[in-house]
Amino acid sequence: MNSLRTLVVVLLLSVGAPALAADSDSGDPLYAIQNPPAYAMIGDLLIARPLLVAATVIGAGVFVVSLPFTALGGGVGDAGQALVVDPAKAAFVRCLGCIGEGFERRE
C-alpha cells in the first residue's frame, strides 16, 4: 500500500510540474523556452523517442552500407548528417515534448 501511495504522489507531482512552470520567459530576450503540456511529454516518451532511436540505428546501418558510394561522390558529411546526426539530435538532445532542440532563438 505504501508503494502505491508513493506512485500516486510521484504521478501527481509529475503531471502538476508543467502547471508550476507557468512563466516560460528566461529573462533573455534572445531565447524562448518551450513549455510543452503533459500529454505532449507522454506521447513523446512513449511514441516519438523509440521511433527516433530506431531511425538513428537504421540510419547508421544505411550510412555504413552507402559509405563507399557516398565517399566516391564526396557527400559523406551530408549523408552522415541526414542519416545519423539529425535523428540522434531529435531523439537525445531535444527536451521531452518540445518541438525544437532545447532553446529556440527569437528573431
PDB file of N, CA and C in Angstrom:
ATOM      1  N   MET A   1       0.821  -1.190   0.000  1.00  0.00           N
ATOM      2  CA  MET A   1       0.000   0.000   0.000  1.00  0.00           C
ATOM      3  C   MET A   1       0.867   1.256   0.000  1.00  0.00           C
ATOM      4  N   ASN A   2       1.996   1.207   0.697  1.00  0.00           N
ATOM      5  CA  ASN A   2       2.870   2.357   0.775  1.00  0.00           C
ATOM      6  C   ASN A   2       3.489   2.677  -0.590  1.00  0.00           C
ATOM      7  N   SER A   3       3.838   1.629  -1.350  1.00  0.00           N
ATOM      8  CA  SER A   3       4.409   1.884  -2.678  1.00  0.00           C
ATOM      9  C   SER A   3       3.363   2.461  -3.627  1.00  0.00           C
ATOM     10  N   LEU A   4       2.108   2.047  -3.487  1.00  0.00           N
ATOM     11  CA  LEU A   4       1.034   2.610  -4.303  1.00  0.00           C
ATOM     12  C   LEU A   4       0.838   4.088  -3.990  1.00  0.00           C
ATOM     13  N   ARG A   5       0.889   4.433  -2.722  1.00  0.00           N
ATOM     14  CA  ARG A   5       0.749   5.825  -2.311  1.00  0.00           C
ATOM     15  C   ARG A   5       1.905   6.665  -2.865  1.00  0.00           C
ATOM     16  N   THR A   6       3.108   6.112  -2.823  1.00  0.00           N
ATOM     17  CA  THR A   6       4.276   6.814  -3.362  1.00  0.00           C
ATOM     18  C   THR A   6       4.144   7.018  -4.863  1.00  0.00           C
ATOM     19  N   LEU A   7       3.673   5.988  -5.567  1.00  0.00           N
ATOM     20  CA  LEU A   7       3.479   6.094  -7.006  1.00  0.00           C
ATOM     21  C   LEU A   7       2.459   7.170  -7.352  1.00  0.00           C
ATOM     22  N   VAL A   8       1.378   7.241  -6.617  1.00  0.00           N
ATOM     23  CA  VAL A   8       0.349   8.247  -6.874  1.00  0.00           C
ATOM     24  C   VAL A   8       0.905   9.650  -6.652  1.00  0.00           C
ATOM     25  N   VAL A   9       1.683   9.828  -5.597  1.00  0.00           N
ATOM     26  CA  VAL A   9       2.254  11.149  -5.307  1.00  0.00           C
ATOM     27  C   VAL A   9       3.231  11.553  -6.409  1.00  0.00           C
ATOM     28  N   VAL A  10       4.064  10.611  -6.852  1.00  0.00           N
ATOM     29  CA  VAL A  10       5.018  10.919  -7.914  1.00  0.00           C
ATOM     30  C   VAL A  10       4.292  11.280  -9.207  1.00  0.00           C
ATOM     31  N   LEU A  11       3.248  10.547  -9.544  1.00  0.00           N
ATOM     32  CA  LEU A  11       2.480  10.854 -10.752  1.00  0.00           C
ATOM     33  C   LEU A  11       1.799  12.212 -10.659  1.00  0.00           C
ATOM     34  N   LEU A  12       1.231  12.517  -9.517  1.00  0.00           N
ATOM     35  CA  LEU A  12       0.574  13.814  -9.354  1.00  0.00           C
ATOM     36  C   LEU A  12       1.574  14.957  -9.442  1.00  0.00           C
ATOM     37  N   LEU A  13       2.744  14.775  -8.862  1.00  0.00           N
ATOM     38  CA  LEU A  13       3.757  15.823  -8.932  1.00  0.00           C
ATOM     39  C   LEU A  13       4.302  15.987 -10.346  1.00  0.00           C
ATOM     40  N   SER A  14       4.459  14.880 -11.066  1.00  0.00           N
ATOM     41  CA  SER A  14       4.997  14.989 -12.423  1.00  0.00           C
ATOM     42  C   SER A  14       3.984  15.597 -13.387  1.00  0.00           C
ATOM     43  N   VAL A  15       2.709  15.327 -13.186  1.00  0.00           N
ATOM     44  CA  VAL A  15       1.685  15.924 -14.043  1.00  0.00           C
ATOM     45  C   VAL A  15       1.478  17.384 -13.672  1.00  0.00           C
ATOM     46  N   GLY A  16       1.626  17.727 -12.415  1.00  0.00           N
ATOM     47  CA  GLY A  16       1.429  19.098 -11.967  1.00  0.00           C
ATOM     48  C   GLY A  16       2.631  19.988 -12.192  1.00  0.00           C
ATOM     49  N   ALA A  17       3.785  19.417 -12.516  1.00  0.00           N
ATOM     50  CA  ALA A  17       5.004  20.212 -12.694  1.00  0.00           C
ATOM     51  C   ALA A  17       4.899  21.221 -13.835  1.00  0.00           C
ATOM     52  N   PRO A  18       4.324  20.874 -14.999  1.00  0.00           N
ATOM     53  CA  PRO A  18       4.202  21.898 -16.038  1.00  0.00           C
ATOM     54  C   PRO A  18       3.318  23.069 -15.622  1.00  0.00           C
ATOM     55  N   ALA A  19       2.342  22.835 -14.786  1.00  0.00           N
ATOM     56  CA  ALA A  19       1.488  23.928 -14.330  1.00  0.00           C
ATOM     57  C   ALA A  19       2.245  24.863 -13.399  1.00  0.00           C
ATOM     58  N   LEU A  20       3.204  24.330 -12.654  1.00  0.00           N
ATOM     59  CA  LEU A  20       4.000  25.154 -11.767  1.00  0.00           C
ATOM     60  C   LEU A  20       4.963  26.039 -12.535  1.00  0.00           C
ATOM     61  N   ALA A  21       5.369  25.611 -13.715  1.00  0.00           N
ATOM     62  CA  ALA A  21       6.319  26.368 -14.520  1.00  0.00           C
ATOM     63  C   ALA A  21       5.575  27.232 -15.535  1.00  0.00           C
ATOM     64  N   ALA A  22       4.663  28.042 -15.067  1.00  0.00           N
ATOM     65  CA  ALA A  22       3.836  28.844 -15.964  1.00  0.00           C
ATOM     66  C   ALA A  22       4.625  29.961 -16.622  1.00  0.00           C
ATOM     67  N   ASP A  23       5.644  30.482 -15.943  1.00  0.00           N
ATOM     68  CA  ASP A  23       6.452  31.545 -16.512  1.00  0.00           C
ATOM     69  C   ASP A  23       7.512  30.927 -17.403  1.00  0.00           C
ATOM     70  N   SER A  24       7.326  31.013 -18.720  1.00  0.00           N
ATOM     71  CA  SER A  24       8.249  30.373 -19.645  1.00  0.00           C
ATOM     72  C   SER A  24       9.273  31.343 -20.207  1.00  0.00           C
ATOM     73  N   ASP A  25       9.360  32.542 -19.659  1.00  0.00           N
ATOM     74  CA  ASP A  25      10.318  33.514 -20.151  1.00  0.00           C
ATOM     75  C   ASP A  25      11.608  33.390 -19.352  1.00  0.00           C
ATOM     76  N   SER A  26      12.728  33.206 -20.047  1.00  0.00           N
ATOM     77  CA  SER A  26      14.008  33.011 -19.373  1.00  0.00           C
ATOM     78  C   SER A  26      14.617  34.324 -18.916  1.00  0.00           C
ATOM     79  N   GLY A  27      14.045  35.445 -19.308  1.00  0.00           N
ATOM     80  CA  GLY A  27      14.625  36.737 -18.981  1.00  0.00           C
ATOM     81  C   GLY A  27      15.548  37.235 -20.078  1.00  0.00           C
ATOM     82  N   ASP A  28      16.034  36.352 -20.919  1.00  0.00           N
ATOM     83  CA  ASP A  28      16.889  36.720 -22.027  1.00  0.00           C
ATOM     84  C   ASP A  28      15.999  36.930 -23.251  1.00  0.00           C
ATOM     85  N   PRO A  29      15.998  38.120 -23.836  1.00  0.00           N
ATOM     86  CA  PRO A  29      15.087  38.364 -24.960  1.00  0.00           C
ATOM     87  C   PRO A  29      15.442  37.596 -26.226  1.00  0.00           C
ATOM     88  N   LEU A  30      16.635  36.984 -26.292  1.00  0.00           N
ATOM     89  CA  LEU A  30      17.025  36.260 -27.497  1.00  0.00           C
ATOM     90  C   LEU A  30      16.486  34.839 -27.539  1.00  0.00           C
ATOM     91  N   TYR A  31      16.102  34.287 -26.398  1.00  0.00           N
ATOM     92  CA  TYR A  31      15.713  32.887 -26.355  1.00  0.00           C
ATOM     93  C   TYR A  31      14.334  32.709 -25.760  1.00  0.00           C
ATOM     94  N   ALA A  32      13.599  31.719 -26.260  1.00  0.00           N
ATOM     95  CA  ALA A  32      12.290  31.355 -25.732  1.00  0.00           C
ATOM     96  C   ALA A  32      12.353  29.906 -25.284  1.00  0.00           C
ATOM     97  N   ILE A  33      11.935  29.622 -24.055  1.00  0.00           N
ATOM     98  CA  ILE A  33      11.917  28.259 -23.539  1.00  0.00           C
ATOM     99  C   ILE A  33      10.555  27.664 -23.848  1.00  0.00           C
ATOM    100  N   GLN A  34      10.564  26.472 -24.431  1.00  0.00           N
ATOM    101  CA  GLN A  34       9.302  25.806 -24.717  1.00  0.00           C
ATOM    102  C   GLN A  34       8.764  25.180 -23.440  1.00  0.00           C
ATOM    103  N   ASN A  35       7.461  25.225 -23.274  1.00  0.00           N
ATOM    104  CA  ASN A  35       6.805  24.648 -22.107  1.00  0.00           C
ATOM    105  C   ASN A  35       5.686  23.731 -22.595  1.00  0.00           C
ATOM    106  N   PRO A  36       6.029  22.487 -23.001  1.00  0.00           N
ATOM    107  CA  PRO A  36       5.013  21.599 -23.565  1.00  0.00           C
ATOM    108  C   PRO A  36       4.081  21.052 -22.487  1.00  0.00           C
ATOM    109  N   PRO A  37       2.841  20.732 -22.866  1.00  0.00           N
ATOM    110  CA  PRO A  37       1.901  20.149 -21.904  1.00  0.00           C
ATOM    111  C   PRO A  37       2.267  18.693 -21.595  1.00  0.00           C
ATOM    112  N   ALA A  38       1.657  18.147 -20.565  1.00  0.00           N
ATOM    113  CA  ALA A  38       1.973  16.788 -20.107  1.00  0.00           C
ATOM    114  C   ALA A  38       1.660  15.739 -21.166  1.00  0.00           C
ATOM    115  N   TYR A  39       0.549  15.895 -21.887  1.00  0.00           N
ATOM    116  CA  TYR A  39       0.212  14.894 -22.898  1.00  0.00           C
ATOM    117  C   TYR A  39       1.245  14.865 -24.023  1.00  0.00           C
ATOM    118  N   ALA A  40       1.859  15.994 -24.336  1.00  0.00           N
ATOM    119  CA  ALA A  40       2.911  16.010 -25.350  1.00  0.00           C
ATOM    120  C   ALA A  40       4.159  15.289 -24.852  1.00  0.00           C
ATOM    121  N   MET A  41       4.460  15.440 -23.575  1.00  0.00           N
ATOM    122  CA  MET A  41       5.610  14.744 -22.997  1.00  0.00           C
ATOM    123  C   MET A  41       5.393  13.239 -22.985  1.00  0.00           C
ATOM    124  N   ILE A  42       4.199  12.813 -22.623  1.00  0.00           N
ATOM    125  CA  ILE A  42       3.903  11.383 -22.570  1.00  0.00           C
ATOM    126  C   ILE A  42       3.932  10.776 -23.965  1.00  0.00           C
ATOM    127  N   GLY A  43       3.324  11.445 -24.936  1.00  0.00           N
ATOM    128  CA  GLY A  43       3.355  10.953 -26.308  1.00  0.00           C
ATOM    129  C   GLY A  43       4.760  10.908 -26.873  1.00  0.00           C
ATOM    130  N   ASP A  44       5.553  11.916 -26.527  1.00  0.00           N
ATOM    131  CA  ASP A  44       6.937  11.945 -26.988  1.00  0.00           C
ATOM    132  C   ASP A  44       7.728  10.793 -26.389  1.00  0.00           C
ATOM    133  N   LEU A  45       7.534  10.535 -25.108  1.00  0.00           N
ATOM    134  CA  LEU A  45       8.263   9.478 -24.427  1.00  0.00           C
ATOM    135  C   LEU A  45       7.877   8.091 -24.922  1.00  0.00           C
ATOM    136  N   LEU A  46       6.586   7.865 -25.146  1.00  0.00           N
ATOM    137  CA  LEU A  46       6.117   6.526 -25.490  1.00  0.00           C
ATOM    138  C   LEU A  46       6.124   6.223 -26.988  1.00  0.00           C
ATOM    139  N   ILE A  47       5.996   7.251 -27.821  1.00  0.00           N
ATOM    140  CA  ILE A  47       5.881   7.006 -29.260  1.00  0.00           C
ATOM    141  C   ILE A  47       7.069   7.565 -30.043  1.00  0.00           C
ATOM    142  N   ALA A  48       7.323   8.851 -29.898  1.00  0.00           N
ATOM    143  CA  ALA A  48       8.312   9.504 -30.763  1.00  0.00           C
ATOM    144  C   ALA A  48       9.745   9.075 -30.460  1.00  0.00           C
ATOM    145  N   ARG A  49      10.129   9.027 -29.194  1.00  0.00           N
ATOM    146  CA  ARG A  49      11.522   8.701 -28.858  1.00  0.00           C
ATOM    147  C   ARG A  49      11.927   7.302 -29.306  1.00  0.00           C
ATOM    148  N   PRO A  50      11.113   6.258 -29.060  1.00  0.00           N
ATOM    149  CA  PRO A  50      11.515   4.940 -29.571  1.00  0.00           C
ATOM    150  C   PRO A  50      11.631   4.905 -31.093  1.00  0.00           C
ATOM    151  N   LEU A  51      10.734   5.605 -31.788  1.00  0.00           N
ATOM    152  CA  LEU A  51      10.824   5.640 -33.249  1.00  0.00           C
ATOM    153  C   LEU A  51      12.073   6.391 -33.714  1.00  0.00           C
ATOM    154  N   LEU A  52      12.439   7.457 -33.011  1.00  0.00           N
ATOM    155  CA  LEU A  52      13.634   8.210 -33.386  1.00  0.00           C
ATOM    156  C   LEU A  52      14.910   7.436 -33.092  1.00  0.00           C
ATOM    157  N   VAL A  53      14.929   6.675 -32.005  1.00  0.00           N
ATOM    158  CA  VAL A  53      16.093   5.825 -31.726  1.00  0.00           C
ATOM    159  C   VAL A  53      16.213   4.750 -32.791  1.00  0.00           C
ATOM    160  N   ALA A  54      15.098   4.153 -33.185  1.00  0.00           N
ATOM    161  CA  ALA A  54      15.119   3.152 -34.256  1.00  0.00           C
ATOM    162  C   ALA A  54      15.573   3.782 -35.572  1.00  0.00           C
ATOM    163  N   ALA A  55      15.127   4.998 -35.852  1.00  0.00           N
ATOM    164  CA  ALA A  55      15.561   5.688 -37.076  1.00  0.00           C
ATOM    165  C   ALA A  55      17.056   5.974 -37.038  1.00  0.00           C
ATOM    166  N   THR A  56      17.594   6.275 -35.866  1.00  0.00           N
ATOM    167  CA  THR A  56      19.033   6.515 -35.736  1.00  0.00           C
ATOM    168  C   THR A  56      19.814   5.242 -36.014  1.00  0.00           C
ATOM    169  N   VAL A  57      19.368   4.128 -35.452  1.00  0.00           N
ATOM    170  CA  VAL A  57      20.064   2.849 -35.660  1.00  0.00           C
ATOM    171  C   VAL A  57      19.965   2.409 -37.117  1.00  0.00           C
ATOM    172  N   ILE A  58      18.785   2.502 -37.697  1.00  0.00           N
ATOM    173  CA  ILE A  58      18.612   2.122 -39.102  1.00  0.00           C
ATOM    174  C   ILE A  58      19.403   3.065 -40.012  1.00  0.00           C
ATOM    175  N   GLY A  59      19.383   4.357 -39.708  1.00  0.00           N
ATOM    176  CA  GLY A  59      20.149   5.323 -40.488  1.00  0.00           C
ATOM    177  C   GLY A  59      21.643   5.067 -40.413  1.00  0.00           C
ATOM    178  N   ALA A  60      22.136   4.649 -39.247  1.00  0.00           N
ATOM    179  CA  ALA A  60      23.559   4.315 -39.124  1.00  0.00           C
ATOM    180  C   ALA A  60      23.904   3.110 -39.985  1.00  0.00           C
ATOM    181  N   GLY A  61      23.017   2.123 -40.016  1.00  0.00           N
ATOM    182  CA  GLY A  61      23.242   0.956 -40.881  1.00  0.00           C
ATOM    183  C   GLY A  61      23.241   1.319 -42.351  1.00  0.00           C
ATOM    184  N   VAL A  62      22.282   2.144 -42.749  1.00  0.00           N
ATOM    185  CA  VAL A  62      22.217   2.583 -44.147  1.00  0.00           C
ATOM    186  C   VAL A  62      23.436   3.434 -44.493  1.00  0.00           C
ATOM    187  N   PHE A  63      23.890   4.256 -43.549  1.00  0.00           N
ATOM    188  CA  PHE A  63      25.079   5.075 -43.772  1.00  0.00           C
ATOM    189  C   PHE A  63      26.310   4.212 -44.006  1.00  0.00           C
ATOM    190  N   VAL A  64      26.472   3.160 -43.202  1.00  0.00           N
ATOM    191  CA  VAL A  64      27.633   2.277 -43.370  1.00  0.00           C
ATOM    192  C   VAL A  64      27.568   1.553 -44.706  1.00  0.00           C
ATOM    193  N   VAL A  65      26.391   1.089 -45.088  1.00  0.00           N
ATOM    194  CA  VAL A  65      26.251   0.385 -46.367  1.00  0.00           C
ATOM    195  C   VAL A  65      26.515   1.330 -47.538  1.00  0.00           C
ATOM    196  N   SER A  66      26.050   2.561 -47.431  1.00  0.00           N
ATOM    197  CA  SER A  66      26.203   3.502 -48.548  1.00  0.00           C
ATOM    198  C   SER A  66      27.521   4.269 -48.513  1.00  0.00           C
ATOM    199  N   LEU A  67      28.358   4.024 -47.513  1.00  0.00           N
ATOM    200  CA  LEU A  67      29.589   4.790 -47.352  1.00  0.00           C
ATOM    201  C   LEU A  67      30.525   4.733 -48.555  1.00  0.00           C
ATOM    202  N   PRO A  68      30.755   3.574 -49.185  1.00  0.00           N
ATOM    203  CA  PRO A  68      31.641   3.582 -50.363  1.00  0.00           C
ATOM    204  C   PRO A  68      31.121   4.466 -51.506  1.00  0.00           C
ATOM    205  N   PHE A  69      29.833   4.466 -51.694  1.00  0.00           N
ATOM    206  CA  PHE A  69      29.255   5.249 -52.784  1.00  0.00           C
ATOM    207  C   PHE A  69      29.238   6.744 -52.465  1.00  0.00           C
ATOM    208  N   THR A  70      28.927   7.081 -51.230  1.00  0.00           N
ATOM    209  CA  THR A  70      28.929   8.492 -50.865  1.00  0.00           C
ATOM    210  C   THR A  70      30.341   9.046 -50.787  1.00  0.00           C
ATOM    211  N   ALA A  71      31.314   8.194 -50.472  1.00  0.00           N
ATOM    212  CA  ALA A  71      32.719   8.645 -50.464  1.00  0.00           C
ATOM    213  C   ALA A  71      33.180   8.960 -51.878  1.00  0.00           C
ATOM    214  N   LEU A  72      32.752   8.172 -52.839  1.00  0.00           N
ATOM    215  CA  LEU A  72      33.110   8.439 -54.242  1.00  0.00           C
ATOM    216  C   LEU A  72      32.465   9.733 -54.735  1.00  0.00           C
ATOM    217  N   GLY A  73      31.271   9.998 -54.262  1.00  0.00           N
ATOM    218  CA  GLY A  73      30.569  11.209 -54.676  1.00  0.00           C
ATOM    219  C   GLY A  73      30.918  12.427 -53.846  1.00  0.00           C
ATOM    220  N   GLY A  74      31.605  12.240 -52.730  1.00  0.00           N
ATOM    221  CA  GLY A  74      32.005  13.357 -51.897  1.00  0.00           C
ATOM    222  C   GLY A  74      30.920  13.870 -50.960  1.00  0.00           C
ATOM    223  N   GLY A  75      29.937  13.058 -50.656  1.00  0.00           N
ATOM    224  CA  GLY A  75      28.845  13.515 -49.803  1.00  0.00           C
ATOM    225  C   GLY A  75      28.772  12.798 -48.471  1.00  0.00           C
ATOM    226  N   VAL A  76      29.931  12.413 -47.925  1.00  0.00           N
ATOM    227  CA  VAL A  76      29.933  11.665 -46.664  1.00  0.00           C
ATOM    228  C   VAL A  76      29.359  12.509 -45.516  1.00  0.00           C
ATOM    229  N   GLY A  77      29.762  13.755 -45.438  1.00  0.00           N
ATOM    230  CA  GLY A  77      29.270  14.627 -44.364  1.00  0.00           C
ATOM    231  C   GLY A  77      27.776  14.846 -44.430  1.00  0.00           C
ATOM    232  N   ASP A  78      27.259  15.092 -45.611  1.00  0.00           N
ATOM    233  CA  ASP A  78      25.814  15.306 -45.772  1.00  0.00           C
ATOM    234  C   ASP A  78      25.025  14.042 -45.454  1.00  0.00           C
ATOM    235  N   ALA A  79      25.535  12.894 -45.907  1.00  0.00           N
ATOM    236  CA  ALA A  79      24.845  11.630 -45.638  1.00  0.00           C
ATOM    237  C   ALA A  79      24.862  11.312 -44.149  1.00  0.00           C
ATOM    238  N   GLY A  80      25.986  11.526 -43.494  1.00  0.00           N
ATOM    239  CA  GLY A  80      26.066  11.279 -42.056  1.00  0.00           C
ATOM    240  C   GLY A  80      25.157  12.206 -41.277  1.00  0.00           C
ATOM    241  N   GLN A  81      25.093  13.453 -41.708  1.00  0.00           N
ATOM    242  CA  GLN A  81      24.218  14.425 -41.041  1.00  0.00           C
ATOM    243  C   GLN A  81      22.759  14.019 -41.165  1.00  0.00           C
ATOM    244  N   ALA A  82      22.342  13.652 -42.375  1.00  0.00           N
ATOM    245  CA  ALA A  82      20.933  13.340 -42.616  1.00  0.00           C
ATOM    246  C   ALA A  82      20.511  11.996 -42.035  1.00  0.00           C
ATOM    247  N   LEU A  83      21.397  10.990 -42.107  1.00  0.00           N
ATOM    248  CA  LEU A  83      21.003   9.644 -41.702  1.00  0.00           C
ATOM    249  C   LEU A  83      21.253   9.343 -40.232  1.00  0.00           C
ATOM    250  N   VAL A  84      22.243   9.987 -39.618  1.00  0.00           N
ATOM    251  CA  VAL A  84      22.601   9.632 -38.245  1.00  0.00           C
ATOM    252  C   VAL A  84      22.441  10.812 -37.281  1.00  0.00           C
ATOM    253  N   VAL A  85      23.039  11.947 -37.602  1.00  0.00           N
ATOM    254  CA  VAL A  85      23.108  13.052 -36.646  1.00  0.00           C
ATOM    255  C   VAL A  85      21.736  13.687 -36.408  1.00  0.00           C
ATOM    256  N   ASP A  86      20.989  13.969 -37.445  1.00  0.00           N
ATOM    257  CA  ASP A  86      19.677  14.618 -37.267  1.00  0.00           C
ATOM    258  C   ASP A  86      18.694  13.765 -36.460  1.00  0.00           C
ATOM    259  N   PRO A  87      18.538  12.454 -36.773  1.00  0.00           N
ATOM    260  CA  PRO A  87      17.647  11.653 -35.915  1.00  0.00           C
ATOM    261  C   PRO A  87      18.167  11.511 -34.481  1.00  0.00           C
ATOM    262  N   ALA A  88      19.500  11.431 -34.314  1.00  0.00           N
ATOM    263  CA  ALA A  88      20.056  11.313 -32.965  1.00  0.00           C
ATOM    264  C   ALA A  88      19.828  12.589 -32.164  1.00  0.00           C
ATOM    265  N   LYS A  89      19.969  13.749 -32.802  1.00  0.00           N
ATOM    266  CA  LYS A  89      19.684  15.014 -32.109  1.00  0.00           C
ATOM    267  C   LYS A  89      18.221  15.090 -31.697  1.00  0.00           C
ATOM    268  N   ALA A  90      17.338  14.668 -32.588  1.00  0.00           N
ATOM    269  CA  ALA A  90      15.913  14.709 -32.268  1.00  0.00           C
ATOM    270  C   ALA A  90      15.561  13.734 -31.151  1.00  0.00           C
ATOM    271  N   ALA A  91      16.301  12.622 -31.048  1.00  0.00           N
ATOM    272  CA  ALA A  91      15.999  11.624 -30.029  1.00  0.00           C
ATOM    273  C   ALA A  91      16.626  11.946 -28.683  1.00  0.00           C
ATOM    274  N   PHE A  92      17.838  12.526 -28.672  1.00  0.00           N
ATOM    275  CA  PHE A  92      18.570  12.640 -27.418  1.00  0.00           C
ATOM    276  C   PHE A  92      18.826  14.067 -26.949  1.00  0.00           C
ATOM    277  N   VAL A  93      18.784  15.064 -27.815  1.00  0.00           N
ATOM    278  CA  VAL A  93      19.102  16.433 -27.417  1.00  0.00           C
ATOM    279  C   VAL A  93      17.844  17.233 -27.100  1.00  0.00           C
ATOM    280  N   ARG A  94      16.786  16.965 -27.803  1.00  0.00           N
ATOM    281  CA  ARG A  94      15.534  17.701 -27.657  1.00  0.00           C
ATOM    282  C   ARG A  94      14.897  17.432 -26.305  1.00  0.00           C
ATOM    283  N   CYS A  95      14.331  18.463 -25.685  1.00  0.00           N
ATOM    284  CA  CYS A  95      13.656  18.261 -24.397  1.00  0.00           C
ATOM    285  C   CYS A  95      12.362  17.468 -24.612  1.00  0.00           C
ATOM    286  N   LEU A  96      11.893  16.835 -23.568  1.00  0.00           N
ATOM    287  CA  LEU A  96      10.742  15.949 -23.649  1.00  0.00           C
ATOM    288  C   LEU A  96       9.476  16.733 -23.987  1.00  0.00           C
ATOM    289  N   GLY A  97       8.881  16.421 -25.116  1.00  0.00           N
ATOM    290  CA  GLY A  97       7.663  17.080 -25.554  1.00  0.00           C
ATOM    291  C   GLY A  97       7.876  18.330 -26.382  1.00  0.00           C
ATOM    292  N   CYS A  98       9.120  18.804 -26.473  1.00  0.00           N
ATOM    293  CA  CYS A  98       9.422  20.012 -27.242  1.00  0.00           C
ATOM    294  C   CYS A  98       9.474  19.691 -28.731  1.00  0.00           C
ATOM    295  N   ILE A  99       9.221  20.702 -29.523  1.00  0.00           N
ATOM    296  CA  ILE A  99       9.267  20.536 -30.968  1.00  0.00           C
ATOM    297  C   ILE A  99      10.681  20.768 -31.483  1.00  0.00           C
ATOM    298  N   GLY A 100      11.350  21.806 -30.980  1.00  0.00           N
ATOM    299  CA  GLY A 100      12.714  22.111 -31.408  1.00  0.00           C
ATOM    300  C   GLY A 100      13.736  21.558 -30.437  1.00  0.00           C
ATOM    301  N   GLU A 101      14.986  21.887 -30.671  1.00  0.00           N
ATOM    302  CA  GLU A 101      16.076  21.421 -29.819  1.00  0.00           C
ATOM    303  C   GLU A 101      16.346  22.452 -28.726  1.00  0.00           C
ATOM    304  N   GLY A 102      16.029  22.128 -27.490  1.00  0.00           N
ATOM    305  CA  GLY A 102      16.351  22.988 -26.354  1.00  0.00           C
ATOM    306  C   GLY A 102      15.785  24.393 -26.504  1.00  0.00           C
ATOM    307  N   PHE A 103      16.681  25.372 -26.540  1.00  0.00           N
ATOM    308  CA  PHE A 103      16.281  26.761 -26.682  1.00  0.00           C
ATOM    309  C   PHE A 103      16.088  27.110 -28.154  1.00  0.00           C
ATOM    310  N   GLU A 104      15.120  27.935 -28.434  1.00  0.00           N
ATOM    311  CA  GLU A 104      14.931  28.442 -29.782  1.00  0.00           C
ATOM    312  C   GLU A 104      15.231  29.913 -29.792  1.00  0.00           C
ATOM    313  N   ARG A 105      16.027  30.332 -30.725  1.00  0.00           N
ATOM    314  CA  ARG A 105      16.416  31.727 -30.818  1.00  0.00           C
ATOM    315  C   ARG A 105      15.282  32.558 -31.391  1.00  0.00           C
ATOM    316  N   ARG A 106      14.927  33.642 -30.710  1.00  0.00           N
ATOM    317  CA  ARG A 106      13.895  34.562 -31.201  1.00  0.00           C
ATOM    318  C   ARG A 106      14.519  35.495 -32.221  1.00  0.00           C
ATOM    319  N   GLU A 107      13.792  35.797 -33.239  1.00  0.00           N
ATOM    320  CA  GLU A 107      14.292  36.711 -34.268  1.00  0.00           C
ATOM    321  C   GLU A 107      13.699  38.075 -34.090  1.00  0.00           C
TER     322      GLU A 107
END
